[in-house]
Each structure stands twice: as C-alpha cells, then as structure tokens.
Amino acid sequence: MNSSVEPCRSSYPSKKFFTVVTLALAWSAFLSAETGPPKYDLHTETKMKGTVEEVKLPPKGREKEVVHLLMKNGEDIVDLYFCPKSFMDDMGVSFSKGDEVAFTGSKVKYGGADLVLAREVVKGSDTLVLRDDKGNPVWNWHH
C-alpha cells in the first residue's frame, strides 16, 4: 500500500490577514464607542430661545434616563439634552409643546447626532440650573 502524504499547506498569509482585519475593526469600534454621557464643552456654549416642539420622556421605569426637548429655533429643530427624568420630577418642573424657553447649553456631537447639553433653562420667570458653570451636572447620576 502506497500512501503518500501531501505536505500540509499552511494558510498563514490568510490567517494573518484575517487577524489584522479583525484587530483593525475592533480598534475602530473602540475609538468610535461613546462611553458614558456626553461631555459639556464650554468652548461650544451658546444661548438660544425657542419653542418646545416635543418632549421626549424615557419609558416608565427608566426615570434615570435623560429627557430630551425638541426645540424649534427659527426653522431649525434643536435636540436639547436636558436631565434625568427623576431629577426633573424632583425639581417639580414640566414642559409641554408650545412652551417658550430660553436656554444656555453646549453644542456637541454624540452618537453621530447633533445635540445641545442644557446648562440653564428659563421658562417664564423660572430658571432651572442643570449644570454648574463648568458644565458638570448638578444632579446625582446615582439618584
């Protein structure tokens, strides 16, 4: 019986290519991943006035998630990243479509979207301070 054994051909180049591609994809995912809440940037701070177009509340049972106010500013719609729903409830504040507000906030990109992190919001004669003068939230995230 003549059994010839063919030499094992390594797929080393293709394995190396696969490893390099996998590492590159993992690294790019790591670099683009957002960790934690968006960061306030004092360099992009702006003041605006607008009308509440929509109040986006987190689902029931997720009151620690952030409320978003969609604000109409001229022809533009601004996504105003507000504060956790539980903090808003503790402050006894609510917003409705049509409310006129003035706000100070930081324009940032987060998760590929443009939004404004609210620092101070004025509705009528009431002023709600959400962040200190350095942009740090005044609420306790672990509330």
Protein backbone atom coordinates (compact mmCIF):
# COMPACT_ATOMS: atom_id res chain seq x y z
CA MET A 1 0.00 0.00 0.00
CA ASN A 2 1.48 3.22 -1.14
CA SER A 3 0.27 6.04 0.97
CA SER A 4 1.69 9.34 0.03
CA VAL A 5 1.18 12.14 2.40
CA GLU A 6 0.94 15.58 0.92
CA PRO A 7 2.63 18.28 2.85
CA CYS A 8 0.26 20.36 4.89
CA ARG A 9 -0.17 23.71 3.27
CA SER A 10 -0.47 26.50 5.76
CA SER A 11 -2.92 29.27 5.23
CA TYR A 12 -0.64 31.53 7.24
CA PRO A 13 -0.99 34.59 4.95
CA SER A 14 -4.80 34.42 5.01
CA LYS A 15 -4.83 33.87 8.79
CA LYS A 16 -2.54 36.85 9.24
CA PHE A 17 -4.80 38.99 7.01
CA PHE A 18 -7.89 37.88 8.95
CA THR A 19 -6.21 38.74 12.27
CA VAL A 20 -5.12 42.18 11.04
CA VAL A 21 -8.61 42.98 9.70
CA THR A 22 -10.26 41.79 12.92
CA LEU A 23 -7.92 43.89 15.06
CA ALA A 24 -8.47 46.95 12.85
CA LEU A 25 -12.25 46.62 13.09
CA ALA A 26 -12.12 46.12 16.85
CA TRP A 27 -9.86 49.16 17.29
CA SER A 28 -12.10 51.38 15.15
CA ALA A 29 -15.17 50.23 17.13
CA PHE A 30 -13.31 51.02 20.36
CA LEU A 31 -12.34 54.50 19.16
CA SER A 32 -15.82 55.38 17.97
CA ALA A 33 -17.63 54.00 21.03
CA GLU A 34 -19.18 56.61 23.30
CA THR A 35 -18.58 55.90 26.94
CA GLY A 36 -20.90 57.45 29.45
CA PRO A 37 -22.97 60.56 28.98
CA PRO A 38 -21.89 63.28 26.52
CA LYS A 39 -19.36 65.82 27.81
CA TYR A 40 -20.14 69.51 28.18
CA ASP A 41 -17.76 71.74 26.20
CA LEU A 42 -17.51 75.35 27.39
CA HIS A 43 -15.99 76.30 24.01
CA THR A 44 -19.24 75.48 22.20
CA GLU A 45 -21.56 77.13 24.72
CA THR A 46 -24.38 79.14 23.19
CA LYS A 47 -27.60 80.89 24.21
CA MET A 48 -30.82 80.28 22.31
CA LYS A 49 -34.54 80.85 22.53
CA GLY A 50 -37.12 78.51 21.18
CA THR A 51 -40.47 76.84 21.40
CA VAL A 52 -40.85 73.30 22.71
CA GLU A 53 -41.86 71.17 19.73
CA GLU A 54 -41.81 67.81 21.52
CA VAL A 55 -40.94 66.42 24.96
CA LYS A 56 -39.24 63.02 24.73
CA LEU A 57 -39.57 61.23 28.06
CA PRO A 58 -37.87 57.92 28.85
CA PRO A 59 -40.12 54.85 29.17
CA LYS A 60 -41.83 54.20 32.51
CA GLY A 61 -39.42 52.51 34.90
CA ARG A 62 -36.40 54.23 33.34
CA GLU A 63 -36.67 57.58 35.11
CA LYS A 64 -32.88 57.80 35.43
CA GLU A 65 -32.65 58.24 31.66
CA VAL A 66 -32.46 61.69 30.15
CA VAL A 67 -35.36 63.80 28.94
CA HIS A 68 -34.91 65.42 25.51
CA LEU A 69 -36.72 68.55 24.44
CA LEU A 70 -37.01 69.09 20.71
CA MET A 71 -36.90 72.86 20.35
CA LYS A 72 -37.92 74.90 17.35
CA ASN A 73 -35.42 77.71 16.87
CA GLY A 74 -36.44 79.61 13.74
CA GLU A 75 -36.57 76.93 11.05
CA ASP A 76 -34.21 74.60 12.93
CA ILE A 77 -35.11 71.85 15.37
CA VAL A 78 -32.63 71.55 18.23
CA ASP A 79 -32.33 68.39 20.34
CA LEU A 80 -31.91 69.74 23.87
CA TYR A 81 -30.37 67.06 26.11
CA PHE A 82 -31.98 68.01 29.37
CA CYS A 83 -31.55 65.97 32.57
CA PRO A 84 -32.69 62.63 34.01
CA LYS A 85 -36.47 62.39 34.33
CA SER A 86 -36.13 61.66 38.06
CA PHE A 87 -34.26 64.98 38.59
CA MET A 88 -36.89 66.88 36.61
CA ASP A 89 -39.59 65.28 38.78
CA ASP A 90 -37.67 66.16 41.98
CA MET A 91 -37.47 69.79 40.81
CA GLY A 92 -41.21 69.83 40.11
CA VAL A 93 -40.68 71.03 36.55
CA SER A 94 -42.52 70.02 33.42
CA PHE A 95 -42.55 71.15 29.83
CA SER A 96 -45.22 70.98 27.16
CA LYS A 97 -45.39 71.55 23.45
CA GLY A 98 -45.61 75.27 22.77
CA ASP A 99 -43.69 76.40 25.88
CA GLU A 100 -41.37 79.33 25.15
CA VAL A 101 -37.95 78.89 26.73
CA ALA A 102 -34.51 80.43 26.65
CA PHE A 103 -31.53 78.22 27.34
CA THR A 104 -27.78 78.14 27.64
CA GLY A 105 -26.05 74.98 26.52
CA SER A 106 -23.15 73.33 24.78
CA LYS A 107 -23.41 72.16 21.16
CA VAL A 108 -21.93 68.65 20.94
CA LYS A 109 -21.94 65.58 18.71
CA TYR A 110 -22.93 62.36 20.45
CA GLY A 111 -23.63 59.02 18.86
CA GLY A 112 -23.45 60.71 15.45
CA ALA A 113 -26.19 63.21 16.33
CA ASP A 114 -26.02 66.95 17.00
CA LEU A 115 -27.47 67.99 20.31
CA VAL A 116 -27.25 70.74 22.90
CA LEU A 117 -26.47 69.88 26.52
CA ALA A 118 -28.62 72.23 28.58
CA ARG A 119 -26.90 74.09 31.40
CA GLU A 120 -29.60 76.62 32.29
CA VAL A 121 -33.19 76.87 31.12
CA VAL A 122 -35.52 79.84 31.64
CA LYS A 123 -39.28 79.33 31.31
CA GLY A 124 -41.32 82.41 32.19
CA SER A 125 -39.92 83.72 35.45
CA ASP A 126 -38.44 80.34 36.48
CA THR A 127 -34.77 79.47 35.94
CA LEU A 128 -33.71 75.85 36.16
CA VAL A 129 -29.97 75.25 36.60
CA LEU A 130 -28.95 71.81 35.32
CA ARG A 131 -25.16 72.20 35.28
CA ASP A 132 -22.64 74.30 37.15
CA ASP A 133 -20.54 76.99 35.46
CA LYS A 134 -18.03 74.32 34.36
CA GLY A 135 -20.75 72.20 32.75
CA ASN A 136 -20.87 69.48 35.40
CA PRO A 137 -24.35 68.10 36.08
CA VAL A 138 -25.91 69.27 39.34
CA TRP A 139 -27.97 66.09 39.65
CA ASN A 140 -26.68 62.88 41.15
CA TRP A 141 -26.43 60.18 38.42
CA HIS A 142 -26.84 57.52 41.13
CA HIS A 143 -30.09 59.03 42.42
